[in-house]
């Protein structure tokens, strides 16, 4: 229950107002991924620097990070080489 968890409450200045208001301490958008709905995320890693280039939701990964694909990240072309389905990672070399 959101009220018991301290996330919603009524306006104390207007007890007749039936609306619930967010009163949590965290910004609500930080609790929810607004860009993706998949729980499983695949990671694109630069094989030279080992830096994470991008995280892609699983439903899009099959179309965007297959072996031989050229992935664009901030103007850089990255050719992809999957490391394996179990690892849910792909590496790439920027070029």
Protein backbone atom coordinates (compact mmCIF):
# COMPACT_ATOMS: atom_id res chain seq x y z
CA UNK A 1 0.00 0.00 0.00
CA UNK A 2 1.49 3.35 -1.06
CA UNK A 3 0.17 5.20 1.97
CA UNK A 4 1.75 2.73 4.41
CA UNK A 5 5.06 3.01 2.54
CA UNK A 6 4.95 6.80 2.95
CA UNK A 7 4.71 7.54 -0.75
CA UNK A 8 1.27 9.17 -0.92
CA UNK A 9 -0.81 11.23 1.45
CA UNK A 10 -3.55 13.84 1.69
CA UNK A 11 -3.00 17.59 1.76
CA UNK A 12 -2.99 18.54 5.46
CA UNK A 13 -4.00 22.11 4.58
CA UNK A 14 -7.14 20.94 2.79
CA UNK A 15 -8.66 17.86 4.50
CA UNK A 16 -11.75 17.98 2.25
CA UNK A 17 -9.59 17.41 -0.87
CA UNK A 18 -10.04 13.74 -1.90
CA UNK A 19 -6.88 13.64 -4.05
CA UNK A 20 -3.76 11.72 -3.11
CA UNK A 21 -0.42 13.53 -3.40
CA UNK A 22 3.07 12.11 -3.77
CA UNK A 23 5.03 12.74 -0.55
CA UNK A 24 7.96 10.36 -0.98
CA UNK A 25 11.53 11.53 -0.42
CA UNK A 26 12.85 10.37 -3.82
CA UNK A 27 12.04 11.87 -7.20
CA UNK A 28 9.33 9.55 -8.63
CA UNK A 29 10.98 9.25 -12.06
CA UNK A 30 14.14 7.86 -10.45
CA UNK A 31 12.16 4.81 -9.32
CA UNK A 32 10.92 3.91 -12.81
CA UNK A 33 12.78 3.48 -16.08
CA UNK A 34 10.86 5.82 -18.38
CA UNK A 35 12.70 4.74 -21.54
CA UNK A 36 12.25 0.98 -21.37
CA UNK A 37 9.63 -1.48 -20.26
CA UNK A 38 11.76 -4.64 -20.39
CA UNK A 39 13.26 -5.82 -17.13
CA UNK A 40 16.15 -7.51 -18.91
CA UNK A 41 18.76 -5.19 -20.38
CA UNK A 42 21.68 -6.00 -22.71
CA UNK A 43 24.91 -4.07 -22.43
CA UNK A 44 27.16 -2.90 -25.27
CA UNK A 45 30.77 -2.70 -24.02
CA UNK A 46 33.73 -1.14 -25.83
CA UNK A 47 36.19 -4.05 -26.09
CA UNK A 48 39.21 -1.73 -25.98
CA UNK A 49 38.33 0.51 -23.03
CA UNK A 50 35.82 -1.86 -21.35
CA UNK A 51 33.47 1.11 -20.94
CA UNK A 52 29.72 0.61 -21.19
CA UNK A 53 28.61 2.20 -24.45
CA UNK A 54 24.88 1.60 -24.17
CA UNK A 55 22.26 -0.47 -22.40
CA UNK A 56 19.48 -1.76 -24.63
CA UNK A 57 16.27 -3.45 -23.55
CA UNK A 58 16.08 -7.10 -24.54
CA UNK A 59 13.16 -6.72 -26.96
CA UNK A 60 15.23 -4.26 -29.05
CA UNK A 61 18.59 -6.00 -28.63
CA UNK A 62 17.80 -8.76 -31.14
CA UNK A 63 17.29 -6.12 -33.85
CA UNK A 64 20.07 -3.70 -32.91
CA UNK A 65 23.11 -5.59 -31.59
CA UNK A 66 23.44 -8.71 -33.71
CA UNK A 67 26.86 -9.91 -34.91
CA UNK A 68 28.12 -7.73 -37.74
CA UNK A 69 25.82 -4.83 -36.94
CA UNK A 70 27.23 -1.32 -36.99
CA UNK A 71 25.99 0.54 -33.95
CA UNK A 72 26.04 4.34 -33.87
CA UNK A 73 26.84 6.00 -30.54
CA UNK A 74 27.28 9.78 -30.45
CA UNK A 75 28.63 9.88 -33.99
CA UNK A 76 31.00 6.91 -33.56
CA UNK A 77 30.51 3.72 -35.56
CA UNK A 78 30.91 0.57 -33.50
CA UNK A 79 30.98 -2.88 -35.11
CA UNK A 80 29.45 -5.46 -32.79
CA UNK A 81 30.64 -8.90 -31.74
CA UNK A 82 28.29 -10.78 -29.38
CA UNK A 83 29.96 -12.42 -26.40
CA UNK A 84 27.13 -14.87 -25.85
CA UNK A 85 23.43 -14.95 -25.05
CA UNK A 86 23.94 -16.09 -21.46
CA UNK A 87 26.10 -13.07 -20.65
CA UNK A 88 23.71 -10.62 -22.23
CA UNK A 89 26.63 -8.51 -23.41
CA UNK A 90 28.10 -7.44 -26.70
CA UNK A 91 31.46 -5.91 -27.34
CA UNK A 92 32.36 -3.50 -30.06
CA UNK A 93 35.31 -1.74 -31.55
CA UNK A 94 34.88 1.95 -32.24
CA UNK A 95 35.98 3.06 -35.61
